[in-house]
PDB file of all heavy atoms in Angstrom:
ATOM      1  N   ARG A   1      -8.085  -8.368   7.032  1.00  0.00           N
ATOM      2  CA  ARG A   1      -9.087  -7.353   6.397  1.00  0.00           C
ATOM      3  C   ARG A   1      -8.147  -6.556   5.368  1.00  0.00           C
ATOM      4  O   ARG A   1      -7.414  -5.758   5.826  1.00  0.00           O
ATOM      5  CB  ARG A   1      -9.782  -6.632   7.444  1.00  0.00           C
ATOM      6  CG  ARG A   1     -10.696  -7.414   8.333  1.00  0.00           C
ATOM      7  CD  ARG A   1     -11.714  -6.553   9.207  1.00  0.00           C
ATOM      8  NE  ARG A   1     -12.498  -7.284  10.018  1.00  0.00           N
ATOM      9  CZ  ARG A   1     -13.396  -6.914  10.866  1.00  0.00           C
ATOM     10  NH1 ARG A   1     -13.270  -5.500  11.147  1.00  0.00           N
ATOM     11  NH2 ARG A   1     -14.198  -7.684  11.622  1.00  0.00           N
ATOM     12  N   PRO A   2      -8.449  -6.622   4.166  1.00  0.00           N
ATOM     13  CA  PRO A   2      -7.670  -5.959   3.185  1.00  0.00           C
ATOM     14  C   PRO A   2      -7.843  -4.473   3.312  1.00  0.00           C
ATOM     15  O   PRO A   2      -8.941  -4.021   3.615  1.00  0.00           O
ATOM     16  CB  PRO A   2      -8.168  -6.523   1.763  1.00  0.00           C
ATOM     17  CG  PRO A   2      -8.870  -7.755   2.127  1.00  0.00           C
ATOM     18  CD  PRO A   2      -9.358  -7.629   3.435  1.00  0.00           C
ATOM     19  N   GLY A   3      -6.800  -3.723   2.963  1.00  0.00           N
ATOM     20  CA  GLY A   3      -6.787  -2.253   2.954  1.00  0.00           C
ATOM     21  C   GLY A   3      -7.171  -1.750   1.557  1.00  0.00           C
ATOM     22  O   GLY A   3      -7.501  -2.429   0.739  1.00  0.00           O
ATOM     23  N   ALA A   4      -6.922  -0.478   1.580  1.00  0.00           N
ATOM     24  CA  ALA A   4      -7.391   0.280   0.212  1.00  0.00           C
ATOM     25  C   ALA A   4      -6.490  -0.137  -0.987  1.00  0.00           C
ATOM     26  O   ALA A   4      -7.048  -0.011  -2.103  1.00  0.00           O
ATOM     27  CB  ALA A   4      -7.296   1.800   0.512  1.00  0.00           C
ATOM     28  N   VAL A   5      -5.406  -0.677  -0.772  1.00  0.00           N
ATOM     29  CA  VAL A   5      -4.545  -1.040  -2.023  1.00  0.00           C
ATOM     30  C   VAL A   5      -4.997  -2.245  -2.648  1.00  0.00           C
ATOM     31  O   VAL A   5      -4.445  -2.517  -3.845  1.00  0.00           O
ATOM     32  CB  VAL A   5      -3.113  -1.173  -1.596  1.00  0.00           C
ATOM     33  CG1 VAL A   5      -2.471   0.123  -1.027  1.00  0.00           C
ATOM     34  CG2 VAL A   5      -2.851  -2.334  -0.641  1.00  0.00           C
ATOM     35  N   PHE A   6      -5.903  -2.955  -2.118  1.00  0.00           N
ATOM     36  CA  PHE A   6      -6.464  -4.181  -2.747  1.00  0.00           C
ATOM     37  C   PHE A   6      -7.545  -3.840  -3.742  1.00  0.00           C
ATOM     38  O   PHE A   6      -8.799  -4.002  -3.648  1.00  0.00           O
ATOM     39  CB  PHE A   6      -6.980  -5.126  -1.802  1.00  0.00           C
ATOM     40  CG  PHE A   6      -5.866  -5.961  -0.964  1.00  0.00           C
ATOM     41  CD1 PHE A   6      -5.301  -5.347   0.086  1.00  0.00           C
ATOM     42  CD2 PHE A   6      -5.375  -7.138  -1.403  1.00  0.00           C
ATOM     43  CE1 PHE A   6      -4.177  -5.923   0.740  1.00  0.00           C
ATOM     44  CE2 PHE A   6      -4.486  -7.836  -0.840  1.00  0.00           C
ATOM     45  CZ  PHE A   6      -3.742  -7.151   0.344  1.00  0.00           C
ATOM     46  N   ALA A   7      -7.119  -3.103  -4.981  1.00  0.00           N
ATOM     47  CA  ALA A   7      -8.124  -2.702  -5.951  1.00  0.00           C
ATOM     48  C   ALA A   7      -7.138  -2.613  -7.117  1.00  0.00           C
ATOM     49  O   ALA A   7      -6.008  -2.615  -7.225  1.00  0.00           O
ATOM     50  CB  ALA A   7      -8.740  -1.351  -5.608  1.00  0.00           C
ATOM     51  N   ASN A   8      -7.973  -2.499  -8.375  1.00  0.00           N
ATOM     52  CA  ASN A   8      -7.241  -2.409  -9.661  1.00  0.00           C
ATOM     53  C   ASN A   8      -6.655  -0.996  -9.767  1.00  0.00           C
ATOM     54  O   ASN A   8      -5.454  -0.729 -10.170  1.00  0.00           O
ATOM     55  CB  ASN A   8      -8.002  -2.654 -10.725  1.00  0.00           C
ATOM     56  CG  ASN A   8      -8.541  -4.147 -10.786  1.00  0.00           C
ATOM     57  OD1 ASN A   8      -9.672  -4.543 -10.640  1.00  0.00           O
ATOM     58  ND2 ASN A   8      -7.539  -5.098 -10.915  1.00  0.00           N
ATOM     59  N   LEU A   9      -7.316   0.022  -9.443  1.00  0.00           N
ATOM     60  CA  LEU A   9      -6.959   1.310  -9.463  1.00  0.00           C
ATOM     61  C   LEU A   9      -6.928   2.064  -8.030  1.00  0.00           C
ATOM     62  O   LEU A   9      -8.098   1.972  -7.446  1.00  0.00           O
ATOM     63  CB  LEU A   9      -7.737   2.249 -10.522  1.00  0.00           C
ATOM     64  CG  LEU A   9      -7.567   1.781 -12.020  1.00  0.00           C
ATOM     65  CD1 LEU A   9      -8.306   2.689 -12.845  1.00  0.00           C
ATOM     66  CD2 LEU A   9      -6.120   1.916 -12.378  1.00  0.00           C
ATOM     67  N   VAL A  10      -5.953   2.536  -7.544  1.00  0.00           N
ATOM     68  CA  VAL A  10      -5.909   3.181  -6.195  1.00  0.00           C
ATOM     69  C   VAL A  10      -5.531   4.577  -6.434  1.00  0.00           C
ATOM     70  O   VAL A  10      -4.540   4.987  -7.015  1.00  0.00           O
ATOM     71  CB  VAL A  10      -4.825   2.608  -5.324  1.00  0.00           C
ATOM     72  CG1 VAL A  10      -4.777   3.267  -3.999  1.00  0.00           C
ATOM     73  CG2 VAL A  10      -5.145   1.118  -5.144  1.00  0.00           C
ATOM     74  N   VAL A  11      -6.628   5.551  -6.045  1.00  0.00           N
ATOM     75  CA  VAL A  11      -6.471   6.909  -6.074  1.00  0.00           C
ATOM     76  C   VAL A  11      -5.981   7.496  -4.815  1.00  0.00           C
ATOM     77  O   VAL A  11      -6.767   7.427  -3.889  1.00  0.00           O
ATOM     78  CB  VAL A  11      -7.760   7.571  -6.604  1.00  0.00           C
ATOM     79  CG1 VAL A  11      -7.535   9.088  -6.830  1.00  0.00           C
ATOM     80  CG2 VAL A  11      -8.137   7.102  -7.932  1.00  0.00           C
ATOM     81  N   GLY A  12      -4.773   7.980  -4.800  1.00  0.00           N
ATOM     82  CA  GLY A  12      -4.244   8.553  -3.538  1.00  0.00           C
ATOM     83  C   GLY A  12      -4.235  10.143  -3.665  1.00  0.00           C
ATOM     84  O   GLY A  12      -3.494  10.677  -4.451  1.00  0.00           O
ATOM     85  N   ASP A  13      -5.244  10.674  -2.960  1.00  0.00           N
ATOM     86  CA  ASP A  13      -5.329  12.210  -3.003  1.00  0.00           C
ATOM     87  C   ASP A  13      -4.499  12.864  -1.978  1.00  0.00           C
ATOM     88  O   ASP A  13      -4.449  12.506  -0.771  1.00  0.00           O
ATOM     89  CB  ASP A  13      -6.860  12.663  -2.791  1.00  0.00           C
ATOM     90  CG  ASP A  13      -7.202  13.955  -3.348  1.00  0.00           C
ATOM     91  OD1 ASP A  13      -6.337  14.566  -4.241  1.00  0.00           O
ATOM     92  OD2 ASP A  13      -8.219  14.558  -2.823  1.00  0.00           O
ATOM     93  N   GLU A  14      -3.727  13.914  -2.415  1.00  0.00           N
ATOM     94  CA  GLU A  14      -2.782  14.601  -1.610  1.00  0.00           C
ATOM     95  C   GLU A  14      -1.889  13.682  -0.768  1.00  0.00           C
ATOM     96  O   GLU A  14      -1.786  13.725   0.430  1.00  0.00           O
ATOM     97  CB  GLU A  14      -3.634  15.534  -0.628  1.00  0.00           C
ATOM     98  CG  GLU A  14      -4.457  16.661  -1.200  1.00  0.00           C
ATOM     99  CD  GLU A  14      -3.548  17.745  -1.795  1.00  0.00           C
ATOM    100  OE1 GLU A  14      -2.435  17.762  -1.628  1.00  0.00           O
ATOM    101  OE2 GLU A  14      -4.189  18.562  -2.583  1.00  0.00           O
ATOM    102  N   ILE A  15      -1.110  12.938  -1.637  1.00  0.00           N
ATOM    103  CA  ILE A  15      -0.182  11.796  -0.952  1.00  0.00           C
ATOM    104  C   ILE A  15       0.817  12.460   0.095  1.00  0.00           C
ATOM    105  O   ILE A  15       1.181  11.788   0.996  1.00  0.00           O
ATOM    106  CB  ILE A  15       0.447  11.050  -2.099  1.00  0.00           C
ATOM    107  CG1 ILE A  15       1.045   9.804  -1.430  1.00  0.00           C
ATOM    108  CG2 ILE A  15       1.246  11.926  -2.900  1.00  0.00           C
ATOM    109  CD1 ILE A  15       1.680   8.836  -2.490  1.00  0.00           C
ATOM    110  N   ASN A  16       1.282  13.678  -0.317  1.00  0.00           N
ATOM    111  CA  ASN A  16       2.342  14.195   0.554  1.00  0.00           C
ATOM    112  C   ASN A  16       1.866  14.833   1.887  1.00  0.00           C
ATOM    113  O   ASN A  16       2.585  15.465   2.650  1.00  0.00           O
ATOM    114  CB  ASN A  16       3.132  15.276  -0.150  1.00  0.00           C
ATOM    115  CG  ASN A  16       2.205  16.429  -0.673  1.00  0.00           C
ATOM    116  OD1 ASN A  16       1.065  16.309  -0.841  1.00  0.00           O
ATOM    117  ND2 ASN A  16       2.820  17.697  -0.963  1.00  0.00           N
ATOM    118  N   ARG A  17       0.481  14.665   2.190  1.00  0.00           N
ATOM    119  CA  ARG A  17       0.046  15.082   3.510  1.00  0.00           C
ATOM    120  C   ARG A  17       0.044  13.885   4.536  1.00  0.00           C
ATOM    121  O   ARG A  17      -0.105  14.280   5.778  1.00  0.00           O
ATOM    122  CB  ARG A  17      -1.506  15.535   3.297  1.00  0.00           C
ATOM    123  CG  ARG A  17      -1.533  16.765   2.621  1.00  0.00           C
ATOM    124  CD  ARG A  17      -2.853  17.470   2.752  1.00  0.00           C
ATOM    125  NE  ARG A  17      -3.053  18.799   2.109  1.00  0.00           N
ATOM    126  CZ  ARG A  17      -2.437  20.004   2.623  1.00  0.00           C
ATOM    127  NH1 ARG A  17      -1.818  19.913   3.734  1.00  0.00           N
ATOM    128  NH2 ARG A  17      -2.555  21.077   1.986  1.00  0.00           N
ATOM    129  N   ALA A  18       0.354  12.687   4.133  1.00  0.00           N
ATOM    130  CA  ALA A  18       0.557  11.624   5.068  1.00  0.00           C
ATOM    131  C   ALA A  18       1.957  11.567   5.569  1.00  0.00           C
ATOM    132  O   ALA A  18       2.845  12.068   4.909  1.00  0.00           O
ATOM    133  CB  ALA A  18       0.149  10.210   4.326  1.00  0.00           C
ATOM    134  N   SER A  19       2.301  10.999   6.699  1.00  0.00           N
ATOM    135  CA  SER A  19       3.551  10.869   7.254  1.00  0.00           C
ATOM    136  C   SER A  19       4.351   9.902   6.447  1.00  0.00           C
ATOM    137  O   SER A  19       3.920   9.114   5.754  1.00  0.00           O
ATOM    138  CB  SER A  19       3.425  10.385   8.753  1.00  0.00           C
ATOM    139  OG  SER A  19       2.914   9.006   8.715  1.00  0.00           O
ATOM    140  N   PRO A  20       5.757  10.014   6.537  1.00  0.00           N
ATOM    141  CA  PRO A  20       6.612   9.144   5.831  1.00  0.00           C
ATOM    142  C   PRO A  20       6.328   7.625   6.153  1.00  0.00           C
ATOM    143  O   PRO A  20       6.469   6.824   5.470  1.00  0.00           O
ATOM    144  CB  PRO A  20       8.083   9.496   6.402  1.00  0.00           C
ATOM    145  CG  PRO A  20       7.820  11.057   6.632  1.00  0.00           C
ATOM    146  CD  PRO A  20       6.448  11.241   7.340  1.00  0.00           C
ATOM    147  N   LYS A  21       5.862   7.368   7.528  1.00  0.00           N
ATOM    148  CA  LYS A  21       5.602   6.096   7.899  1.00  0.00           C
ATOM    149  C   LYS A  21       4.460   5.410   7.031  1.00  0.00           C
ATOM    150  O   LYS A  21       4.412   4.344   6.461  1.00  0.00           O
ATOM    151  CB  LYS A  21       5.227   5.935   9.326  1.00  0.00           C
ATOM    152  CG  LYS A  21       5.016   4.521   9.976  1.00  0.00           C
ATOM    153  CD  LYS A  21       4.663   4.680  11.306  1.00  0.00           C
ATOM    154  CE  LYS A  21       4.382   3.254  11.845  1.00  0.00           C
ATOM    155  NZ  LYS A  21       4.021   3.290  13.342  1.00  0.00           N
ATOM    156  N   THR A  22       3.420   6.255   6.860  1.00  0.00           N
ATOM    157  CA  THR A  22       2.285   5.842   6.005  1.00  0.00           C
ATOM    158  C   THR A  22       2.693   5.736   4.584  1.00  0.00           C
ATOM    159  O   THR A  22       2.209   4.846   3.828  1.00  0.00           O
ATOM    160  CB  THR A  22       1.068   6.715   6.295  1.00  0.00           C
ATOM    161  OG1 THR A  22       0.850   6.802   7.642  1.00  0.00           O
ATOM    162  CG2 THR A  22      -0.119   6.308   5.374  1.00  0.00           C
ATOM    163  N   GLN A  23       3.409   6.696   3.989  1.00  0.00           N
ATOM    164  CA  GLN A  23       3.907   6.700   2.724  1.00  0.00           C
ATOM    165  C   GLN A  23       4.608   5.455   2.352  1.00  0.00           C
ATOM    166  O   GLN A  23       4.515   4.824   1.328  1.00  0.00           O
ATOM    167  CB  GLN A  23       4.678   7.934   2.289  1.00  0.00           C
ATOM    168  CG  GLN A  23       3.943   9.244   2.344  1.00  0.00           C
ATOM    169  CD  GLN A  23       4.880  10.424   2.107  1.00  0.00           C
ATOM    170  OE1 GLN A  23       6.002  10.274   1.639  1.00  0.00           O
ATOM    171  NE2 GLN A  23       4.464  11.602   2.329  1.00  0.00           N
ATOM    172  N   SER A  24       5.384   4.991   3.236  1.00  0.00           N
ATOM    173  CA  SER A  24       6.194   3.806   3.181  1.00  0.00           C
ATOM    174  C   SER A  24       5.363   2.619   2.826  1.00  0.00           C
ATOM    175  O   SER A  24       5.854   1.429   2.398  1.00  0.00           O
ATOM    176  CB  SER A  24       7.183   3.569   4.211  1.00  0.00           C
ATOM    177  OG  SER A  24       6.601   3.196   5.367  1.00  0.00           O
ATOM    178  N   ALA A  25       4.044   2.676   3.194  1.00  0.00           N
ATOM    179  CA  ALA A  25       3.251   1.426   3.087  1.00  0.00           C
ATOM    180  C   ALA A  25       2.942   1.146   1.670  1.00  0.00           C
ATOM    181  O   ALA A  25       2.420  -0.022   1.323  1.00  0.00           O
ATOM    182  CB  ALA A  25       1.872   1.720   3.873  1.00  0.00           C
ATOM    183  N   LEU A  26       3.150   2.153   0.749  1.00  0.00           N
ATOM    184  CA  LEU A  26       2.925   1.932  -0.667  1.00  0.00           C
ATOM    185  C   LEU A  26       4.141   1.354  -1.354  1.00  0.00           C
ATOM    186  O   LEU A  26       4.005   0.959  -2.645  1.00  0.00           O
ATOM    187  CB  LEU A  26       2.515   3.304  -1.383  1.00  0.00           C
ATOM    188  CG  LEU A  26       1.128   3.837  -1.011  1.00  0.00           C
ATOM    189  CD1 LEU A  26       0.977   5.231  -1.573  1.00  0.00           C
ATOM    190  CD2 LEU A  26       0.219   2.855  -1.489  1.00  0.00           C
ATOM    191  N   LEU A  27       5.339   1.308  -0.770  1.00  0.00           N
ATOM    192  CA  LEU A  27       6.598   0.940  -1.361  1.00  0.00           C
ATOM    193  C   LEU A  27       6.435  -0.428  -2.031  1.00  0.00           C
ATOM    194  O   LEU A  27       6.776  -0.719  -3.205  1.00  0.00           O
ATOM    195  CB  LEU A  27       7.696   1.014  -0.566  1.00  0.00           C
ATOM    196  CG  LEU A  27       8.020   2.536  -0.046  1.00  0.00           C
ATOM    197  CD1 LEU A  27       9.278   2.520   0.930  1.00  0.00           C
ATOM    198  CD2 LEU A  27       8.355   3.390  -1.162  1.00  0.00           C
ATOM    199  N   GLU A  28       6.047  -1.415  -1.178  1.00  0.00           N
ATOM    200  CA  GLU A  28       6.149  -2.863  -1.642  1.00  0.00           C
ATOM    201  C   GLU A  28       5.140  -3.114  -2.683  1.00  0.00           C
ATOM    202  O   GLU A  28       5.388  -3.722  -3.675  1.00  0.00           O
ATOM    203  CB  GLU A  28       5.672  -3.798  -0.443  1.00  0.00           C
ATOM    204  CG  GLU A  28       5.813  -5.298  -0.783  1.00  0.00           C
ATOM    205  CD  GLU A  28       5.477  -6.174   0.362  1.00  0.00           C
ATOM    206  OE1 GLU A  28       5.045  -5.673   1.452  1.00  0.00           O
ATOM    207  OE2 GLU A  28       5.726  -7.378   0.215  1.00  0.00           O
ATOM    208  N   CYS A  29       3.817  -2.618  -2.476  1.00  0.00           N
ATOM    209  CA  CYS A  29       2.769  -2.845  -3.470  1.00  0.00           C
ATOM    210  C   CYS A  29       3.067  -2.192  -4.823  1.00  0.00           C
ATOM    211  O   CYS A  29       2.718  -2.739  -5.916  1.00  0.00           O
ATOM    212  CB  CYS A  29       1.343  -2.317  -2.901  1.00  0.00           C
ATOM    213  SG  CYS A  29       1.213  -0.682  -2.721  1.00  0.00           S
ATOM    214  N   MET A  30       3.663  -1.076  -4.837  1.00  0.00           N
ATOM    215  CA  MET A  30       3.887  -0.261  -6.114  1.00  0.00           C
ATOM    216  C   MET A  30       5.050  -0.969  -7.012  1.00  0.00           C
ATOM    217  O   MET A  30       4.921  -1.050  -8.104  1.00  0.00           O
ATOM    218  CB  MET A  30       4.324   1.142  -5.940  1.00  0.00           C
ATOM    219  CG  MET A  30       3.218   2.010  -5.285  1.00  0.00           C
ATOM    220  SD  MET A  30       3.745   3.731  -4.958  1.00  0.00           S
ATOM    221  CE  MET A  30       4.084   4.383  -6.621  1.00  0.00           C
ATOM    222  N   GLU A  31       5.934  -1.647  -6.217  1.00  0.00           N
ATOM    223  CA  GLU A  31       7.030  -2.251  -6.914  1.00  0.00           C
ATOM    224  C   GLU A  31       6.836  -3.756  -7.191  1.00  0.00           C
ATOM    225  O   GLU A  31       7.141  -4.295  -8.308  1.00  0.00           O
ATOM    226  CB  GLU A  31       8.341  -2.071  -6.146  1.00  0.00           C
ATOM    227  CG  GLU A  31       9.573  -2.792  -6.786  1.00  0.00           C
ATOM    228  CD  GLU A  31       9.981  -2.173  -8.107  1.00  0.00           C
ATOM    229  OE1 GLU A  31       9.458  -1.008  -8.535  1.00  0.00           O
ATOM    230  OE2 GLU A  31      10.712  -2.976  -8.901  1.00  0.00           O
ATOM    231  N   GLU A  32       6.321  -4.489  -6.178  1.00  0.00           N
ATOM    232  CA  GLU A  32       6.177  -5.953  -6.290  1.00  0.00           C
ATOM    233  C   GLU A  32       4.831  -6.493  -6.583  1.00  0.00           C
ATOM    234  O   GLU A  32       4.679  -7.647  -6.568  1.00  0.00           O
ATOM    235  CB  GLU A  32       6.853  -6.536  -4.966  1.00  0.00           C
ATOM    236  CG  GLU A  32       8.401  -6.182  -4.832  1.00  0.00           C
ATOM    237  CD  GLU A  32       8.883  -6.571  -3.383  1.00  0.00           C
ATOM    238  OE1 GLU A  32       8.749  -7.755  -3.144  1.00  0.00           O
ATOM    239  OE2 GLU A  32       9.523  -5.715  -2.653  1.00  0.00           O
ATOM    240  N   ARG A  33       3.841  -5.559  -6.430  1.00  0.00           N
ATOM    241  CA  ARG A  33       2.458  -5.891  -6.753  1.00  0.00           C
ATOM    242  C   ARG A  33       2.146  -6.989  -5.688  1.00  0.00           C
ATOM    243  O   ARG A  33       1.349  -7.993  -5.858  1.00  0.00           O
ATOM    244  CB  ARG A  33       2.334  -6.570  -8.163  1.00  0.00           C
ATOM    245  CG  ARG A  33       1.760  -5.742  -9.179  1.00  0.00           C
ATOM    246  CD  ARG A  33       2.680  -4.683  -9.529  1.00  0.00           C
ATOM    247  NE  ARG A  33       2.274  -3.783 -10.731  1.00  0.00           N
ATOM    248  CZ  ARG A  33       2.835  -2.841 -11.280  1.00  0.00           C
ATOM    249  NH1 ARG A  33       4.014  -2.576 -10.786  1.00  0.00           N
ATOM    250  NH2 ARG A  33       2.381  -2.193 -12.265  1.00  0.00           N
ATOM    251  N   GLN A  34       2.533  -6.737  -4.468  1.00  0.00           N
ATOM    252  CA  GLN A  34       2.103  -7.607  -3.298  1.00  0.00           C
ATOM    253  C   GLN A  34       2.090  -6.748  -1.965  1.00  0.00           C
ATOM    254  O   GLN A  34       2.678  -5.776  -1.937  1.00  0.00           O
ATOM    255  CB  GLN A  34       3.086  -8.899  -3.172  1.00  0.00           C
ATOM    256  CG  GLN A  34       4.423  -8.520  -2.807  1.00  0.00           C
ATOM    257  CD  GLN A  34       5.394  -9.664  -2.761  1.00  0.00           C
ATOM    258  OE1 GLN A  34       5.229 -10.662  -3.446  1.00  0.00           O
ATOM    259  NE2 GLN A  34       6.415  -9.567  -1.948  1.00  0.00           N
ATOM    260  N   VAL A  35       1.542  -7.400  -0.958  1.00  0.00           N
ATOM    261  CA  VAL A  35       1.457  -6.689   0.319  1.00  0.00           C
ATOM    262  C   VAL A  35       1.694  -7.742   1.403  1.00  0.00           C
ATOM    263  O   VAL A  35       1.188  -8.878   1.307  1.00  0.00           O
ATOM    264  CB  VAL A  35       0.085  -6.078   0.609  1.00  0.00           C
ATOM    265  CG1 VAL A  35      -0.132  -5.583   2.110  1.00  0.00           C
ATOM    266  CG2 VAL A  35      -0.141  -4.857  -0.240  1.00  0.00           C
ATOM    267  N   THR A  36       2.620  -7.475   2.280  1.00  0.00           N
ATOM    268  CA  THR A  36       3.024  -8.331   3.385  1.00  0.00           C
ATOM    269  C   THR A  36       2.567  -7.788   4.643  1.00  0.00           C
ATOM    270  O   THR A  36       2.862  -6.633   5.140  1.00  0.00           O
ATOM    271  CB  THR A  36       4.558  -8.563   3.424  1.00  0.00           C
ATOM    272  OG1 THR A  36       4.997  -9.082   2.183  1.00  0.00           O
ATOM    273  CG2 THR A  36       4.876  -9.542   4.468  1.00  0.00           C
ATOM    274  N   VAL A  37       1.677  -8.583   5.440  1.00  0.00           N
ATOM    275  CA  VAL A  37       1.035  -8.195   6.636  1.00  0.00           C
ATOM    276  C   VAL A  37       1.260  -9.341   7.606  1.00  0.00           C
ATOM    277  O   VAL A  37       0.856 -10.532   7.348  1.00  0.00           O
ATOM    278  CB  VAL A  37      -0.413  -7.751   6.575  1.00  0.00           C
ATOM    279  CG1 VAL A  37      -0.852  -7.461   7.944  1.00  0.00           C
ATOM    280  CG2 VAL A  37      -0.537  -6.592   5.588  1.00  0.00           C
ATOM    281  N   ASP A  38       1.894  -9.045   8.708  1.00  0.00           N
ATOM    282  CA  ASP A  38       2.103 -10.007   9.765  1.00  0.00           C
ATOM    283  C   ASP A  38       2.765 -11.299   9.164  1.00  0.00           C
ATOM    284  O   ASP A  38       2.421 -12.515   9.537  1.00  0.00           O
ATOM    285  CB  ASP A  38       0.818 -10.469  10.436  1.00  0.00           C
ATOM    286  CG  ASP A  38       0.164  -9.298  11.311  1.00  0.00           C
ATOM    287  OD1 ASP A  38       0.924  -8.494  11.821  1.00  0.00           O
ATOM    288  OD2 ASP A  38      -1.042  -9.349  11.289  1.00  0.00           O
ATOM    289  N   GLY A  39       3.754 -11.157   8.338  1.00  0.00           N
ATOM    290  CA  GLY A  39       4.474 -12.191   7.701  1.00  0.00           C
ATOM    291  C   GLY A  39       3.846 -12.939   6.617  1.00  0.00           C
ATOM    292  O   GLY A  39       4.427 -13.957   6.169  1.00  0.00           O
ATOM    293  N   VAL A  40       2.658 -12.640   6.243  1.00  0.00           N
ATOM    294  CA  VAL A  40       1.949 -13.292   5.163  1.00  0.00           C
ATOM    295  C   VAL A  40       1.779 -12.312   3.995  1.00  0.00           C
ATOM    296  O   VAL A  40       1.534 -11.133   4.227  1.00  0.00           O
ATOM    297  CB  VAL A  40       0.497 -13.642   5.572  1.00  0.00           C
ATOM    298  CG1 VAL A  40      -0.281 -14.373   4.461  1.00  0.00           C
ATOM    299  CG2 VAL A  40       0.439 -14.519   6.919  1.00  0.00           C
ATOM    300  N   THR A  41       2.123 -12.923   2.780  1.00  0.00           N
ATOM    301  CA  THR A  41       2.261 -12.112   1.578  1.00  0.00           C
ATOM    302  C   THR A  41       0.947 -12.247   0.785  1.00  0.00           C
ATOM    303  O   THR A  41       0.549 -13.478   0.593  1.00  0.00           O
ATOM    304  CB  THR A  41       3.417 -12.411   0.696  1.00  0.00           C
ATOM    305  OG1 THR A  41       4.693 -12.146   1.477  1.00  0.00           O
ATOM    306  CG2 THR A  41       3.472 -11.658  -0.544  1.00  0.00           C
ATOM    307  N   TYR A  42       0.264 -11.302   0.369  1.00  0.00           N
ATOM    308  CA  TYR A  42      -0.874 -11.330  -0.491  1.00  0.00           C
ATOM    309  C   TYR A  42      -0.636 -10.682  -1.846  1.00  0.00           C
ATOM    310  O   TYR A  42      -0.186  -9.502  -1.898  1.00  0.00           O
ATOM    311  CB  TYR A  42      -2.082 -10.474   0.184  1.00  0.00           C
ATOM    312  CG  TYR A  42      -2.486 -11.048   1.753  1.00  0.00           C
ATOM    313  CD1 TYR A  42      -1.651 -10.544   2.791  1.00  0.00           C
ATOM    314  CD2 TYR A  42      -3.292 -12.072   1.908  1.00  0.00           C
ATOM    315  CE1 TYR A  42      -1.937 -10.937   4.052  1.00  0.00           C
ATOM    316  CE2 TYR A  42      -3.571 -12.559   3.195  1.00  0.00           C
ATOM    317  CZ  TYR A  42      -2.816 -11.882   4.273  1.00  0.00           C
ATOM    318  OH  TYR A  42      -3.072 -12.357   5.591  1.00  0.00           O
ATOM    319  N   GLN A  43      -0.909 -11.234  -2.924  1.00  0.00           N
ATOM    320  CA  GLN A  43      -0.689 -10.780  -4.194  1.00  0.00           C
ATOM    321  C   GLN A  43      -1.801  -9.953  -4.551  1.00  0.00           C
ATOM    322  O   GLN A  43      -2.961 -10.034  -4.283  1.00  0.00           O
ATOM    323  CB  GLN A  43      -0.581 -11.938  -5.216  1.00  0.00           C
ATOM    324  CG  GLN A  43       0.542 -12.912  -4.984  1.00  0.00           C
ATOM    325  CD  GLN A  43       1.899 -12.335  -5.277  1.00  0.00           C
ATOM    326  OE1 GLN A  43       1.884 -11.368  -6.046  1.00  0.00           O
ATOM    327  NE2 GLN A  43       2.803 -12.639  -4.450  1.00  0.00           N
TER     328      GLN A  43
END
C-alpha cells in the first residue's frame, strides 16, 4: 500500500517535528526517485 511519497508533489508541513527515524524515510526518494520496502524497489 503506497505511502504519501507516491505523488508528483509532496508537501511536508513542519518537517522538523518528526523524529530522525521518520525524516530518514525521505532520503532515498529525494535522491534516487525510488522507494524500497521489504526488499522491493518502487519507482
